[in-house]
């Protein structure tokens, strides 16, 4: 498609080499997949591009829904001032595909042997009013001793750039720019200056049979110091898409470390008013601490940032996240219909600003399920969140929860079992194990349900939802002692013991699932 070409139309310029869309010379924020769709359409201007061709180009062998394509097209139109009604640039040909109908001028990109200062991706956005620090991903080195450059080196690095870009907190410098840096001959500070990057992500990997061992590190270029490193390992045979899953696991580890690094940098500054960026990074750091007081303070900081920058999506997603964390802290004892209402309100405000905010889609999905019992809308939002950021463990948590309550326990298990491959240290382990126990219970796989609930209770003996499910499972299997023990703990915690109230707090779409769960509670022998 002419990777080194520029395409100009109306006030817009699409720079294929830098992976950047500009309007009147200023960068436009878009997701990598949206950029790829625009590049595909613009590069073959006026030719009909079939849906099959788009799916193959954007998603390869991955199976995705038509809703994913519709969302991508909608975001592409929004980025260039178009919409589905006007279709000024992107025209839909019913049941056939898409056609770009704008007048396009094509020119060669200018490439310099010495990397120019402005050679950063769309994500870097040097004119960003919030002075977000950029991240550069250097090529991962294969140390297997094969004497040649491994294909995995480039593949893992490229996938990691895409994965980190999807998190959207930090601008990620384009792969084409970092590829021209002679990293072994330069200090981290020199690379940072050349690329205008505050942080470098780099590492090595080594193959030993089917086992892949990865060492990943994060370096602060201002300090010229490595500030974090981690060793990861995986069995290649167990991975469906090797490069994507490896990159996803690295990204899920690196992203919170970047937030913490920024929070530490902010705390080192002299006292004074924090910038909008500093407020958001401090809030993001507090959200990872796990204490309610931290969630409350994070909410306050994010609201301050949102007031100062009402058109920036990140503060609003942090408000929604803080509300979600507070709801989760009291989920077992709260009214499930109202627990996530504040989360839904904040997430919707974020989506009003940016329809490509994956966290906002994920948290809207949670709110739609628990607050509105709207399974269809919840599924649409969570599938969009996974499409936008496939390396976020949160998305597979919610995907499993929503899919399970929507009547597909098997698919729910596949989502939540994948979660721990993407993010092995995901904080809500007890919640996920209890969910997996419920999905097995709905499929009448009682032995597996029992195993998962035991794991949940070992992680958190006082997680109320696991105890409720233990009572129901014990009723279905005839284990009265287990049921009494779980009911006793629920009573000690002051949680409701009315089985109709418990059953009604579970948003099952299928009547048969609701009846099975309620039947288990009734047959438990517990005098609820």
Protein backbone atom coordinates (compact mmCIF):
# COMPACT_ATOMS: atom_id res chain seq x y z
CA UNK A 1 0.00 0.00 0.00
CA UNK A 2 2.96 2.30 -0.35
CA UNK A 3 4.23 2.47 3.22
CA UNK A 4 6.47 5.46 2.42
CA UNK A 5 3.78 7.61 0.79
CA UNK A 6 1.87 10.69 1.94
CA UNK A 7 -1.81 11.07 1.04
CA UNK A 8 -3.41 14.52 1.18
CA UNK A 9 -7.15 15.22 0.98
CA UNK A 10 -9.15 18.26 2.00
CA UNK A 11 -7.37 19.63 5.14
CA UNK A 12 -5.92 16.23 6.02
CA UNK A 13 -2.61 14.51 5.41
CA UNK A 14 -2.03 10.81 6.01
CA UNK A 15 1.67 10.08 6.58
CA UNK A 16 2.14 6.33 6.14
CA UNK A 17 5.78 6.26 7.28
CA UNK A 18 5.09 8.02 10.56
CA UNK A 19 1.70 6.35 11.04
CA UNK A 20 0.27 9.83 11.54
CA UNK A 21 -2.91 11.63 10.51
CA UNK A 22 -2.72 15.43 10.49
CA UNK A 23 -5.38 18.10 10.06
CA UNK A 24 -4.13 21.54 9.06
CA UNK A 25 -0.67 20.39 10.10
CA UNK A 26 -1.69 19.27 13.60
CA UNK A 27 -1.73 15.58 14.65
CA UNK A 28 -5.11 13.90 15.06
CA UNK A 29 -5.44 11.25 17.76
CA UNK A 30 -6.56 7.92 16.32
CA UNK A 31 -6.11 4.27 17.18
CA UNK A 32 -3.56 2.25 15.12
CA UNK A 33 -6.34 0.11 13.61
CA UNK A 34 -8.32 3.18 12.56
CA UNK A 35 -5.19 4.56 10.91
CA UNK A 36 -4.69 1.25 9.06
CA UNK A 37 -8.26 1.37 7.76
CA UNK A 38 -7.83 4.95 6.52
CA UNK A 39 -4.53 4.05 4.88
CA UNK A 40 -6.11 1.07 3.14
CA UNK A 41 -9.01 3.10 1.77
CA UNK A 42 -7.04 6.23 0.82
CA UNK A 43 -4.22 4.31 -0.87
CA UNK A 44 -6.66 2.74 -3.35
CA UNK A 45 -8.75 5.90 -3.69
CA UNK A 46 -12.14 5.44 -5.34
CA UNK A 47 -11.79 1.64 -5.54
CA UNK A 48 -14.33 -0.49 -3.73
CA UNK A 49 -12.66 -2.34 -0.86
CA UNK A 50 -14.63 -5.42 0.16
CA UNK A 51 -15.40 -6.31 3.76
CA UNK A 52 -13.35 -9.49 3.37
CA UNK A 53 -10.34 -7.46 2.23
CA UNK A 54 -10.71 -5.09 5.19
CA UNK A 55 -11.01 -7.95 7.68
CA UNK A 56 -7.93 -9.64 6.19
CA UNK A 57 -5.86 -6.44 6.23
CA UNK A 58 -6.83 -5.24 9.71
CA UNK A 59 -7.37 -8.47 11.63
CA UNK A 60 -5.64 -11.19 9.62
CA UNK A 61 -6.75 -14.64 10.79
CA UNK A 62 -8.48 -13.37 13.92
CA UNK A 63 -12.24 -13.88 14.05
CA UNK A 64 -14.02 -10.61 14.84
CA UNK A 65 -17.62 -9.45 14.58
CA UNK A 66 -19.15 -7.01 12.11
CA UNK A 67 -19.63 -4.71 15.11
CA UNK A 68 -15.84 -4.37 15.38
CA UNK A 69 -15.64 -3.21 11.76
CA UNK A 70 -18.58 -0.84 12.22
CA UNK A 71 -16.88 0.74 15.23
CA UNK A 72 -13.62 1.13 13.33
CA UNK A 73 -15.40 2.76 10.36
CA UNK A 74 -17.28 5.09 12.70
CA UNK A 75 -14.05 6.18 14.39
CA UNK A 76 -12.32 6.67 11.02
CA UNK A 77 -15.13 8.90 9.82
CA UNK A 78 -15.10 10.89 13.06
CA UNK A 79 -11.34 11.47 12.76
CA UNK A 80 -11.73 13.13 9.34
CA UNK A 81 -14.92 15.07 10.07
CA UNK A 82 -17.20 12.59 8.33
CA UNK A 83 -20.19 10.57 9.51
CA UNK A 84 -22.47 7.77 8.36
CA UNK A 85 -25.17 10.15 7.14
CA UNK A 86 -23.01 12.56 5.15
CA UNK A 87 -20.41 10.05 3.89
CA UNK A 88 -18.31 12.91 2.53
CA UNK A 89 -15.14 10.82 2.34
CA UNK A 90 -15.95 7.21 3.23
CA UNK A 91 -18.90 5.82 1.30
CA UNK A 92 -20.63 2.59 2.32
CA UNK A 93 -21.65 0.32 -0.55
CA UNK A 94 -24.37 -1.83 0.97
CA UNK A 95 -23.46 -5.50 1.49
CA UNK A 96 -20.24 -5.00 -0.49
CA UNK A 97 -17.73 -2.78 1.29
CA UNK A 98 -16.33 0.75 1.47
CA UNK A 99 -14.99 3.31 -0.98
CA UNK A 100 -12.95 6.47 -0.31
CA UNK A 101 -14.45 9.20 -2.51
CA UNK A 102 -12.36 12.25 -1.55
CA UNK A 103 -9.86 13.82 -3.96
CA UNK A 104 -6.43 12.49 -2.96
CA UNK A 105 -2.95 13.82 -3.79
CA UNK A 106 -0.07 11.35 -3.40
CA UNK A 107 3.56 12.26 -2.63
CA UNK A 108 6.68 10.57 -1.26
CA UNK A 109 7.50 10.83 2.44
CA UNK A 110 10.74 12.59 3.27
CA UNK A 111 13.16 10.30 5.11
CA UNK A 112 16.38 11.47 6.71
CA UNK A 113 19.37 9.30 7.54
CA UNK A 114 19.75 11.34 10.70
CA UNK A 115 16.45 11.08 12.49
CA UNK A 116 14.63 14.44 12.50
CA UNK A 117 13.23 15.75 15.75
CA UNK A 118 9.66 15.55 14.50
CA UNK A 119 9.90 11.90 13.40
CA UNK A 120 7.56 10.57 16.00
CA UNK A 121 4.25 8.80 15.57
CA UNK A 122 0.83 10.33 15.87
CA UNK A 123 0.84 9.16 19.46
CA UNK A 124 3.83 11.32 20.38
CA UNK A 125 2.01 14.59 19.60
CA UNK A 126 4.71 17.12 20.40
CA UNK A 127 2.08 19.86 20.65
CA UNK A 128 0.22 17.99 23.42
CA UNK A 129 -0.99 20.63 25.86
CA UNK A 130 -0.63 18.19 28.74
CA UNK A 131 3.09 17.50 28.08
CA UNK A 132 2.66 13.76 28.11
CA UNK A 133 6.07 12.03 28.08
CA UNK A 134 6.67 9.73 25.12
CA UNK A 135 7.74 6.09 25.24
CA UNK A 136 10.05 4.39 22.73
CA UNK A 137 10.14 0.61 22.31
CA UNK A 138 13.59 -0.57 21.23
CA UNK A 139 14.02 -3.79 19.31
CA UNK A 140 13.98 -6.84 21.56
CA UNK A 141 17.15 -8.91 21.12
CA UNK A 142 17.12 -12.67 20.58
CA UNK A 143 19.91 -14.17 22.72
CA UNK A 144 19.20 -17.78 21.77
CA UNK A 145 22.61 -18.00 20.10
CA UNK A 146 21.30 -19.00 16.69
CA UNK A 147 23.70 -16.61 14.98
CA UNK A 148 21.01 -14.79 13.05
CA UNK A 149 18.29 -12.25 13.71
CA UNK A 150 15.12 -13.99 14.77
CA UNK A 151 11.82 -13.16 13.10
CA UNK A 152 10.43 -12.94 16.60
CA UNK A 153 12.63 -9.89 17.31
CA UNK A 154 10.77 -7.69 14.87
CA UNK A 155 7.39 -9.33 15.45
CA UNK A 156 7.46 -8.96 19.25
CA UNK A 157 8.70 -5.37 19.03
CA UNK A 158 6.02 -4.37 16.51
CA UNK A 159 3.26 -6.04 18.51
CA UNK A 160 4.50 -4.36 21.70
CA UNK A 161 4.35 -0.91 20.07
CA UNK A 162 0.74 -1.63 19.10
CA UNK A 163 -0.12 -3.06 22.53
CA UNK A 164 1.32 -0.11 24.47
CA UNK A 165 -0.36 2.34 22.08
CA UNK A 166 -3.69 0.70 22.87
CA UNK A 167 -3.35 1.59 26.57
CA UNK A 168 -3.38 5.25 25.44
CA UNK A 169 -1.86 6.85 28.53
CA UNK A 170 1.56 7.50 27.00
CA UNK A 171 2.40 8.45 23.41
CA UNK A 172 4.40 5.63 21.79
CA UNK A 173 6.99 6.58 19.19
CA UNK A 174 6.58 4.94 15.80
CA UNK A 175 8.51 1.76 15.09
CA UNK A 176 9.93 3.27 11.89
CA UNK A 177 11.66 5.95 13.95
CA UNK A 178 13.16 3.70 16.61
CA UNK A 179 14.35 1.24 13.96
CA UNK A 180 16.83 3.84 12.71
CA UNK A 181 18.45 4.24 16.13
CA UNK A 182 21.76 2.44 16.70
CA UNK A 183 20.91 1.57 20.30
CA UNK A 184 24.07 -0.39 21.26
CA UNK A 185 26.27 2.62 20.41
CA UNK A 186 24.22 5.20 22.32
CA UNK A 187 23.35 5.92 25.93
CA UNK A 188 19.74 5.94 27.07
CA UNK A 189 19.97 9.71 27.49
CA UNK A 190 21.18 10.15 23.90
CA UNK A 191 18.39 7.96 22.56
CA UNK A 192 15.85 9.85 24.63
CA UNK A 193 17.06 13.19 23.31
CA UNK A 194 17.07 11.95 19.71
CA UNK A 195 13.59 10.48 19.89
CA UNK A 196 12.10 13.00 22.34
CA UNK A 197 11.29 10.04 24.59
CA UNK A 198 11.38 10.09 28.38
CA UNK A 199 11.08 6.32 28.74
CA UNK A 200 12.60 3.38 26.86
CA UNK A 201 11.16 -0.13 26.88
CA UNK A 202 13.75 -2.72 25.90
CA UNK A 203 14.65 -6.32 26.52
CA UNK A 204 15.87 -9.71 25.39
CA UNK A 205 14.38 -13.15 24.94
CA UNK A 206 15.77 -16.64 24.67
CA UNK A 207 14.21 -19.81 23.34
CA UNK A 208 14.83 -23.15 25.03
CA UNK A 209 12.80 -25.73 23.16
CA UNK A 210 9.18 -24.62 23.40
CA UNK A 211 9.92 -22.39 26.39
CA UNK A 212 10.44 -18.67 25.85
CA UNK A 213 12.15 -16.61 28.57
CA UNK A 214 11.82 -12.84 28.30
CA UNK A 215 13.66 -10.10 30.17
CA UNK A 216 12.01 -6.69 29.86
CA UNK A 217 13.24 -3.39 31.30
CA UNK A 218 12.13 0.22 31.60
CA UNK A 219 14.67 3.06 31.52
CA UNK A 220 14.19 6.72 32.43
CA UNK A 221 16.20 8.67 29.84
CA UNK A 222 16.22 11.87 31.93
CA UNK A 223 17.95 10.00 34.75
CA UNK A 224 19.84 7.70 32.35
CA UNK A 225 18.84 4.91 34.74
CA UNK A 226 17.03 1.60 34.47
CA UNK A 227 14.09 1.90 36.88
CA UNK A 228 12.37 -1.47 36.50
CA UNK A 229 12.92 -4.94 35.08
CA UNK A 230 10.97 -8.16 35.06
CA UNK A 231 11.45 -11.74 33.89
CA UNK A 232 8.59 -13.43 32.07
CA UNK A 233 8.28 -16.96 30.73
CA UNK A 234 5.76 -18.83 28.62
CA UNK A 235 5.27 -22.06 26.69
CA UNK A 236 5.00 -21.23 23.00
CA UNK A 237 2.81 -24.27 22.31
CA UNK A 238 0.12 -22.86 24.61
CA UNK A 239 -0.11 -19.52 22.78
CA UNK A 240 -2.67 -19.04 20.01
CA UNK A 241 -0.93 -16.00 18.53
CA UNK A 242 2.65 -16.07 19.85
CA UNK A 243 3.77 -12.49 19.13
CA UNK A 244 0.48 -10.86 20.14
CA UNK A 245 0.12 -12.76 23.41
CA UNK A 246 3.75 -12.19 24.40
CA UNK A 247 3.46 -8.48 23.63
CA UNK A 248 0.18 -8.32 25.55
CA UNK A 249 1.78 -9.84 28.63
CA UNK A 250 4.71 -7.41 28.43
CA UNK A 251 2.39 -4.43 27.93
CA UNK A 252 0.19 -5.39 30.90
CA UNK A 253 3.34 -5.36 33.07
CA UNK A 254 4.97 -2.25 31.59
CA UNK A 255 1.94 0.06 31.53
CA UNK A 256 1.41 0.26 35.33
CA UNK A 257 5.18 0.64 35.81
CA UNK A 258 5.13 3.67 33.52
CA UNK A 259 2.34 5.17 35.63
CA UNK A 260 4.29 4.51 38.83
CA UNK A 261 7.47 5.97 37.35
CA UNK A 262 5.63 9.16 36.43
CA UNK A 263 4.05 9.33 39.88
CA UNK A 264 7.50 9.06 41.50
CA UNK A 265 8.83 11.78 39.20
CA UNK A 266 5.93 14.04 40.15
CA UNK A 267 6.53 13.47 43.86
CA UNK A 268 10.19 14.49 43.41
CA UNK A 269 9.13 17.91 42.12
CA UNK A 270 9.02 20.92 44.45
CA UNK A 271 5.60 21.53 46.03
CA UNK A 272 3.23 23.55 43.91
CA UNK A 273 0.28 23.28 41.57
CA UNK A 274 0.28 20.09 39.53
CA UNK A 275 -0.33 20.18 35.79
CA UNK A 276 -3.29 18.31 34.32
CA UNK A 277 -0.99 15.48 33.26
CA UNK A 278 0.53 15.27 36.73
CA UNK A 279 -2.90 15.17 38.35
CA UNK A 280 -3.96 12.27 36.12
CA UNK A 281 -0.77 10.28 36.68
CA UNK A 282 -1.02 10.75 40.44
CA UNK A 283 -4.64 9.57 40.29
CA UNK A 284 -3.70 6.56 38.15
CA UNK A 285 -0.97 5.60 40.60
CA UNK A 286 -3.33 5.80 43.59
CA UNK A 287 -5.84 3.53 41.84
CA UNK A 288 -3.30 0.71 41.87
CA UNK A 289 -2.84 0.84 45.67
CA UNK A 290 -6.00 -1.06 46.61
CA UNK A 291 -7.18 1.12 49.54
CA UNK A 292 -10.53 2.89 49.61
CA UNK A 293 -8.91 6.11 50.85
CA UNK A 294 -6.64 6.01 47.79
CA UNK A 295 -9.65 5.50 45.50
CA UNK A 296 -11.36 8.53 47.04
CA UNK A 297 -8.24 10.68 46.60
CA UNK A 298 -7.78 9.43 43.01
CA UNK A 299 -11.37 10.42 42.26
CA UNK A 300 -10.73 13.91 43.68
CA UNK A 301 -7.54 14.41 41.64
CA UNK A 302 -9.16 13.11 38.45
CA UNK A 303 -12.14 15.44 38.91
CA UNK A 304 -9.73 18.36 39.35
CA UNK A 305 -8.02 17.38 36.08
CA UNK A 306 -11.39 16.99 34.32
CA UNK A 307 -12.45 20.45 35.44
CA UNK A 308 -9.26 21.96 34.01
CA UNK A 309 -9.36 19.91 30.80
CA UNK A 310 -13.04 19.11 30.10
CA UNK A 311 -12.33 17.85 26.58
CA UNK A 312 -9.61 15.35 27.53
CA UNK A 313 -10.87 11.81 27.99
CA UNK A 314 -8.29 10.41 30.42
CA UNK A 315 -9.47 12.20 33.60
CA UNK A 316 -13.01 10.97 32.99
CA UNK A 317 -11.87 7.37 32.53
CA UNK A 318 -9.98 7.66 35.82
CA UNK A 319 -13.11 8.96 37.56
CA UNK A 320 -15.02 5.95 36.20
CA UNK A 321 -12.22 3.61 37.32
CA UNK A 322 -12.18 5.10 40.83
CA UNK A 323 -15.95 4.67 41.08
CA UNK A 324 -15.60 1.07 39.89
CA UNK A 325 -12.91 0.30 42.46
CA UNK A 326 -15.03 1.75 45.25
CA UNK A 327 -18.01 -0.32 44.09
CA UNK A 328 -15.92 -3.49 43.98
CA UNK A 329 -14.68 -2.90 47.53
CA UNK A 330 -18.27 -3.22 48.81
CA UNK A 331 -19.78 -5.33 46.04
CA UNK A 332 -20.82 -8.32 48.16
CA UNK A 333 -22.79 -6.17 50.61
CA UNK A 334 -24.15 -3.53 48.24
CA UNK A 335 -27.22 -3.38 46.04
CA UNK A 336 -25.91 -4.73 42.73
CA UNK A 337 -28.45 -2.64 40.80
CA UNK A 338 -27.04 0.63 42.14
CA UNK A 339 -23.40 -0.27 42.93
CA UNK A 340 -22.10 0.60 39.47
CA UNK A 341 -24.44 3.50 38.60
CA UNK A 342 -21.73 6.15 39.30
CA UNK A 343 -19.28 4.09 37.22
CA UNK A 344 -21.71 4.05 34.30
CA UNK A 345 -22.34 7.79 34.52
CA UNK A 346 -18.62 8.64 34.44
CA UNK A 347 -17.84 6.11 31.70
CA UNK A 348 -20.58 7.52 29.47
CA UNK A 349 -19.14 11.02 29.90
CA UNK A 350 -15.77 9.67 28.77
CA UNK A 351 -17.33 8.08 25.68
CA UNK A 352 -19.01 11.38 24.82
CA UNK A 353 -15.49 12.80 24.50
CA UNK A 354 -13.76 9.87 22.81
CA UNK A 355 -15.51 6.80 21.37
CA UNK A 356 -12.14 5.02 21.17
CA UNK A 357 -11.48 5.03 24.93
CA UNK A 358 -11.26 1.32 25.72
CA UNK A 359 -11.55 1.77 29.50
CA UNK A 360 -14.73 3.78 29.03
CA UNK A 361 -16.23 1.01 26.88
CA UNK A 362 -15.24 -1.63 29.44
CA UNK A 363 -16.73 0.27 32.39
CA UNK A 364 -19.85 1.22 30.43
CA UNK A 365 -20.30 -2.49 29.81
CA UNK A 366 -20.19 -3.19 33.56
CA UNK A 367 -22.74 -0.47 34.23
CA UNK A 368 -25.07 -1.63 31.47
CA UNK A 369 -25.07 -5.17 32.89
CA UNK A 370 -25.48 -4.48 36.60
CA UNK A 371 -27.39 -1.19 36.56
CA UNK A 372 -29.61 -1.58 33.50
CA UNK A 373 -29.59 -5.38 32.97
CA UNK A 374 -28.99 -4.54 29.30
CA UNK A 375 -27.03 -7.62 28.23
CA UNK A 376 -26.94 -6.74 24.53
CA UNK A 377 -25.51 -3.27 25.10
CA UNK A 378 -23.06 -4.61 27.68
CA UNK A 379 -21.79 -7.20 25.19
CA UNK A 380 -21.33 -4.58 22.46
CA UNK A 381 -19.28 -2.36 24.75
CA UNK A 382 -17.08 -5.09 26.19
CA UNK A 383 -16.35 -6.56 22.75
CA UNK A 384 -15.36 -3.09 21.58
CA UNK A 385 -13.08 -2.71 24.63
CA UNK A 386 -11.33 -6.01 23.84
CA UNK A 387 -10.96 -4.98 20.22
CA UNK A 388 -9.39 -1.64 21.21
CA UNK A 389 -7.04 -3.13 23.83
CA UNK A 390 -6.56 -6.91 23.72
CA UNK A 391 -3.77 -6.79 26.35
CA UNK A 392 -5.87 -5.41 29.24
CA UNK A 393 -6.79 -8.02 31.83
CA UNK A 394 -9.78 -5.94 32.91
CA UNK A 395 -11.42 -6.51 29.52
CA UNK A 396 -11.32 -10.30 29.89
CA UNK A 397 -12.64 -10.04 33.46
CA UNK A 398 -15.65 -8.06 32.25
CA UNK A 399 -15.95 -10.05 29.02
CA UNK A 400 -16.28 -13.26 31.02
CA UNK A 401 -18.71 -11.80 33.53
CA UNK A 402 -21.00 -10.27 30.90
CA UNK A 403 -20.85 -13.25 28.54
CA UNK A 404 -21.59 -15.69 31.36
CA UNK A 405 -24.62 -13.80 32.63
CA UNK A 406 -25.74 -13.38 29.01
CA UNK A 407 -26.08 -17.15 28.71
CA UNK A 408 -22.77 -18.46 27.37
CA UNK A 409 -20.79 -19.99 30.28
CA UNK A 410 -18.31 -21.74 27.97
CA UNK A 411 -17.27 -18.52 26.24
CA UNK A 412 -17.17 -16.79 29.62
CA UNK A 413 -14.64 -19.34 30.83
CA UNK A 414 -12.47 -18.88 27.74
CA UNK A 415 -12.34 -15.11 28.37
CA UNK A 416 -11.46 -15.37 32.04
CA UNK A 417 -9.00 -18.23 31.63
CA UNK A 418 -7.15 -16.09 29.09
CA UNK A 419 -7.00 -13.23 31.58
CA UNK A 420 -4.24 -14.83 33.62
CA UNK A 421 -2.14 -15.43 30.50
CA UNK A 422 -2.41 -11.73 29.66
CA UNK A 423 -2.02 -10.47 33.24
CA UNK A 424 -0.78 -13.15 35.70
CA UNK A 425 -0.89 -10.69 38.63
CA UNK A 426 -4.45 -9.43 38.07
CA UNK A 427 -5.66 -8.18 41.48
CA UNK A 428 -9.17 -9.65 41.51
CA UNK A 429 -8.14 -13.32 41.57
CA UNK A 430 -10.83 -14.32 44.09
CA UNK A 431 -13.51 -12.67 41.94
CA UNK A 432 -12.38 -14.42 38.76
CA UNK A 433 -12.14 -17.86 40.40
CA UNK A 434 -15.63 -17.40 41.87
CA UNK A 435 -16.91 -16.42 38.42
CA UNK A 436 -15.31 -19.50 36.85
CA UNK A 437 -16.94 -21.60 39.56
CA UNK A 438 -20.33 -20.12 38.67
CA UNK A 439 -19.89 -20.77 34.93
CA UNK A 440 -18.99 -24.41 35.61
CA UNK A 441 -22.02 -24.67 37.91
CA UNK A 442 -24.33 -23.39 35.17
CA UNK A 443 -22.98 -26.10 32.86
CA UNK A 444 -23.55 -28.64 35.70
CA UNK A 445 -19.82 -29.36 35.91
CA UNK A 446 -20.02 -29.49 39.68
CA UNK A 447 -16.57 -30.97 40.41
CA UNK A 448 -14.88 -28.19 38.42
CA UNK A 449 -17.14 -25.61 40.04
CA UNK A 450 -16.10 -26.89 43.46
CA UNK A 451 -12.41 -26.64 42.53
CA UNK A 452 -12.74 -23.04 41.35
CA UNK A 453 -14.72 -21.96 44.40
CA UNK A 454 -12.08 -23.49 46.67
CA UNK A 455 -9.44 -21.45 44.86
CA UNK A 456 -11.53 -18.30 45.28
CA UNK A 457 -12.01 -18.93 48.99
CA UNK A 458 -8.29 -19.58 49.45
CA UNK A 459 -7.58 -16.16 47.88
CA UNK A 460 -10.22 -14.39 49.97
CA UNK A 461 -12.14 -16.45 52.59
CA UNK A 462 -14.60 -13.58 53.04
CA UNK A 463 -15.53 -12.81 49.44
CA UNK A 464 -19.31 -12.83 49.77
CA UNK A 465 -20.14 -13.78 46.19
CA UNK A 466 -17.99 -16.91 46.43
CA UNK A 467 -19.76 -17.88 49.66
CA UNK A 468 -23.18 -17.41 48.06
CA UNK A 469 -22.14 -19.66 45.18
CA UNK A 470 -20.75 -22.19 47.65
CA UNK A 471 -24.19 -22.41 49.30
CA UNK A 472 -25.89 -22.90 45.92
CA UNK A 473 -23.37 -25.51 44.74
CA UNK A 474 -23.65 -27.40 48.02
CA UNK A 475 -27.41 -27.50 47.59
CA UNK A 476 -27.04 -28.97 44.10
CA UNK A 477 -24.51 -31.59 45.28
CA UNK A 478 -26.12 -32.39 48.65
CA UNK A 479 -23.22 -31.19 50.81
CA UNK A 480 -25.09 -29.69 53.76
CA UNK A 481 -21.98 -29.16 55.91
CA UNK A 482 -20.31 -27.00 53.25
CA UNK A 483 -23.52 -25.02 52.84
CA UNK A 484 -23.83 -24.37 56.58
CA UNK A 485 -20.20 -23.31 56.87
CA UNK A 486 -20.55 -20.80 54.00
CA UNK A 487 -23.87 -19.50 55.37
CA UNK A 488 -22.30 -19.01 58.79
CA UNK A 489 -19.57 -16.81 57.28
CA UNK A 490 -22.16 -14.80 55.36
CA UNK A 491 -24.05 -14.24 58.61
CA UNK A 492 -20.87 -13.17 60.43
CA UNK A 493 -20.23 -10.61 57.67
CA UNK A 494 -23.75 -9.22 58.03
CA UNK A 495 -24.70 -10.14 54.45
CA UNK A 496 -28.31 -10.96 53.46
CA UNK A 497 -29.31 -14.63 53.83
CA UNK A 498 -32.62 -14.46 51.95
CA UNK A 499 -32.25 -16.75 48.95
CA UNK A 500 -34.70 -14.79 46.79
CA UNK A 501 -32.73 -11.59 47.45
CA UNK A 502 -29.45 -13.35 46.67
CA UNK A 503 -30.76 -14.90 43.44
CA UNK A 504 -32.27 -11.61 42.25
CA UNK A 505 -28.87 -9.91 42.59
CA UNK A 506 -27.49 -12.14 39.81
CA UNK A 507 -28.38 -10.73 36.36
CA UNK A 508 -28.94 -14.03 34.53
CA UNK A 509 -30.42 -13.58 31.06
CA UNK A 510 -31.54 -17.21 30.76
CA UNK A 511 -34.36 -18.31 33.03
CA UNK A 512 -32.89 -21.82 33.26
CA UNK A 513 -29.67 -20.42 34.76
CA UNK A 514 -31.57 -18.33 37.29
CA UNK A 515 -33.71 -21.32 38.27
CA UNK A 516 -30.69 -23.61 38.66
CA UNK A 517 -28.96 -21.15 40.97
CA UNK A 518 -32.12 -20.51 42.99
CA UNK A 519 -32.79 -24.25 43.21
CA UNK A 520 -29.32 -24.79 44.67
CA UNK A 521 -29.95 -22.15 47.34
CA UNK A 522 -33.30 -23.71 48.25
CA UNK A 523 -31.93 -27.27 48.41
CA UNK A 524 -28.91 -26.29 50.51
CA UNK A 525 -30.77 -27.07 53.72
CA UNK A 526 -29.75 -23.73 55.15
CA UNK A 527 -32.53 -21.92 56.97
CA UNK A 528 -32.13 -18.72 55.01
